[in-house]
Protein backbone atom coordinates (compact mmCIF):
# COMPACT_ATOMS: atom_id res chain seq x y z
CA UNK A 1 36.34 19.83 -75.07
CA UNK A 2 34.10 18.95 -77.44
CA UNK A 3 36.11 21.00 -80.77
CA UNK A 4 39.75 19.17 -79.34
CA UNK A 5 37.19 15.82 -79.26
CA UNK A 6 36.11 16.87 -82.74
CA UNK A 7 39.27 18.17 -84.24
CA UNK A 8 41.15 15.31 -83.01
CA UNK A 9 38.97 13.16 -84.88
CA UNK A 10 39.42 15.05 -87.79
CA UNK A 11 43.19 15.00 -87.48
CA UNK A 12 43.01 11.02 -87.05
CA UNK A 13 40.91 10.63 -90.20
CA UNK A 14 43.14 12.88 -92.19
CA UNK A 15 46.54 11.35 -90.87
CA UNK A 16 44.61 7.48 -91.23
CA UNK A 17 44.22 8.54 -95.23
CA UNK A 18 47.80 10.40 -95.76
CA UNK A 19 48.92 7.30 -94.58
CA UNK A 20 46.86 5.25 -96.92
CA UNK A 21 47.52 7.18 -100.04
CA UNK A 22 51.37 6.94 -99.29
CA UNK A 23 51.03 2.99 -99.05
CA UNK A 24 48.91 2.99 -102.33
CA UNK A 25 51.41 5.30 -104.62
CA UNK A 26 54.38 3.05 -103.17
CA UNK A 27 52.88 -0.20 -104.10
CA UNK A 28 52.14 0.78 -107.70
CA UNK A 29 48.36 1.04 -107.21
CA UNK A 30 47.64 4.43 -108.61
CA UNK A 31 49.50 3.53 -111.97
CA UNK A 32 47.19 0.27 -112.36
CA UNK A 33 44.58 1.84 -111.70
CA UNK A 34 45.14 4.19 -114.51
CA UNK A 35 45.58 1.95 -116.72
CA UNK A 36 42.43 0.04 -115.90
CA UNK A 37 40.14 3.68 -116.57
CA UNK A 38 42.40 4.12 -119.39
CA UNK A 39 41.50 0.72 -120.79
CA UNK A 40 37.75 0.58 -120.31
CA UNK A 41 37.78 3.78 -122.80
CA UNK A 42 34.88 5.58 -121.28
CA UNK A 43 34.21 9.01 -122.54
CA UNK A 44 35.47 11.44 -120.16
CA UNK A 45 31.78 12.46 -119.58
CA UNK A 46 30.93 8.98 -119.01
CA UNK A 47 33.91 8.84 -116.84
CA UNK A 48 32.74 12.28 -114.64
CA UNK A 49 29.02 11.57 -114.35
CA UNK A 50 30.55 7.62 -112.84
CA UNK A 51 32.54 9.61 -110.38
CA UNK A 52 29.41 11.97 -109.48
CA UNK A 53 27.78 8.62 -108.11
CA UNK A 54 31.09 7.15 -106.26
CA UNK A 55 31.56 10.69 -104.42
CA UNK A 56 27.61 10.36 -103.52
CA UNK A 57 27.95 7.28 -102.38
CA UNK A 58 30.62 7.77 -100.59
CA UNK A 59 29.42 10.64 -98.70
CA UNK A 60 26.65 8.25 -97.01
CA UNK A 61 29.70 6.94 -95.59
CA UNK A 62 32.66 9.33 -95.21
CA UNK A 63 33.04 12.70 -94.17
CA UNK A 64 34.65 15.93 -96.61
CA UNK A 65 37.79 16.03 -95.67
CA UNK A 66 38.48 12.28 -95.47
CA UNK A 67 36.63 11.87 -99.22
CA UNK A 68 38.74 14.47 -100.41
CA UNK A 69 42.39 13.31 -99.13
CA UNK A 70 41.30 9.35 -99.75
CA UNK A 71 40.64 9.72 -103.32
CA UNK A 72 41.98 12.77 -104.77
CA UNK A 73 46.00 10.71 -105.43
CA UNK A 74 44.48 8.26 -106.75
CA UNK A 75 42.25 9.98 -109.55
CA UNK A 76 44.62 12.69 -110.51
CA UNK A 77 46.48 10.22 -112.65
CA UNK A 78 43.35 9.46 -114.23
CA UNK A 79 42.03 12.87 -114.79
CA UNK A 80 45.58 13.97 -116.09
CA UNK A 81 45.34 11.18 -118.64
CA UNK A 82 41.75 12.46 -119.73
CA UNK A 83 43.28 15.83 -120.27
CA UNK A 84 40.25 17.31 -117.45
CA UNK A 85 40.98 20.74 -116.21
CA UNK A 86 42.27 20.42 -112.93
CA UNK A 87 40.41 23.85 -111.39
CA UNK A 88 37.67 22.95 -112.99
CA UNK A 89 37.61 19.60 -111.26
CA UNK A 90 38.06 21.38 -108.07
CA UNK A 91 35.35 23.10 -108.42
CA UNK A 92 33.17 20.03 -109.57
CA UNK A 93 34.84 18.23 -106.37
CA UNK A 94 34.07 20.65 -103.70
CA UNK A 95 30.01 20.60 -105.16
CA UNK A 96 29.95 17.22 -105.43
CA UNK A 97 31.38 16.46 -102.26
CA UNK A 98 28.36 18.60 -100.66
CA UNK A 99 26.03 16.66 -102.36
CA UNK A 100 27.39 13.88 -101.13
CA UNK A 101 26.65 14.98 -97.65
CA UNK A 102 23.05 16.08 -98.22
CA UNK A 103 22.19 13.09 -100.30
CA UNK A 104 19.19 11.22 -98.99
CA UNK A 105 18.88 9.13 -96.84
CA UNK A 106 21.85 8.56 -95.32
CA UNK A 107 24.14 11.66 -96.26
CA UNK A 108 26.56 12.49 -93.25
CA UNK A 109 25.16 15.99 -92.71
CA UNK A 110 21.77 14.54 -92.35
CA UNK A 111 22.19 12.78 -89.61
CA UNK A 112 24.22 15.97 -88.14
CA UNK A 113 21.28 17.98 -88.28
CA UNK A 114 18.55 14.85 -87.34
CA UNK A 115 20.68 14.72 -84.45
CA UNK A 116 20.33 19.01 -83.53
CA UNK A 117 16.65 19.06 -84.31
CA UNK A 118 15.62 15.98 -82.48
CA UNK A 119 12.40 15.75 -84.62
CA UNK A 120 13.40 12.91 -86.49
CA UNK A 121 14.42 12.36 -90.07
CA UNK A 122 11.08 12.70 -92.08
CA UNK A 123 11.25 16.86 -91.65
CA UNK A 124 15.11 16.86 -92.39
CA UNK A 125 14.65 14.44 -95.92
CA UNK A 126 12.02 16.88 -96.93
CA UNK A 127 14.08 20.35 -96.33
CA UNK A 128 16.86 19.06 -98.02
CA UNK A 129 15.42 17.20 -100.86
CA UNK A 130 15.16 20.51 -102.65
CA UNK A 131 18.73 21.57 -102.59
CA UNK A 132 19.63 18.31 -103.13
CA UNK A 133 18.13 18.54 -106.68
CA UNK A 134 19.30 21.93 -107.26
CA UNK A 135 22.68 20.41 -106.52
CA UNK A 136 22.10 17.60 -109.19
CA UNK A 137 21.30 20.09 -111.53
CA UNK A 138 24.20 22.81 -110.90
CA UNK A 139 26.67 19.35 -111.64
CA UNK A 140 24.56 18.65 -114.71
CA UNK A 141 25.27 22.46 -115.78
CA UNK A 142 29.27 22.45 -114.86
CA UNK A 143 29.40 19.42 -117.21
CA UNK A 144 27.71 20.70 -120.33
CA UNK A 145 28.83 24.30 -119.48
CA UNK A 146 32.64 23.87 -118.04
CA UNK A 147 33.43 27.41 -118.43
CA UNK A 148 31.00 28.08 -115.65
CA UNK A 149 33.54 26.84 -113.03
CA UNK A 150 36.02 28.68 -114.39
CA UNK A 151 34.78 31.84 -115.23
CA UNK A 152 35.51 33.51 -111.49
CA UNK A 153 39.25 31.98 -111.75
CA UNK A 154 40.03 33.50 -115.09
CA UNK A 155 38.98 37.04 -113.96
CA UNK A 156 41.69 36.71 -111.38
């Protein structure tokens, strides 16, 4: 029964985000957002780092599927305008979403682990902090050396 409830909740989140994305696209918000971001004349790396920060903040209140389905349709035209490799961005997106879900102090996964352990937030935060830094360093390496993210797909 718990599995049914959780699966239904995830499906309703996905349904809500699909409806939101349809509404955003039909009203022209994606075009306006793309024009606005391009008018800021940001460097690609500055834009991507700001996306990292945005996703980490978003991960404190939204779960992974909702984050991806909600934001990718808005970001796709911007990424295309910046000529970002979408396979590379897909890898980056998965890593940054997972980082967002474990980001202290209020990452979504932290609440789940805290609820399961029942030892309080202290041990959970202490245990997840090294992984947070490893993920952050990995993201910076992927930004500096983008071929790391696409090395395996190019071998297929």
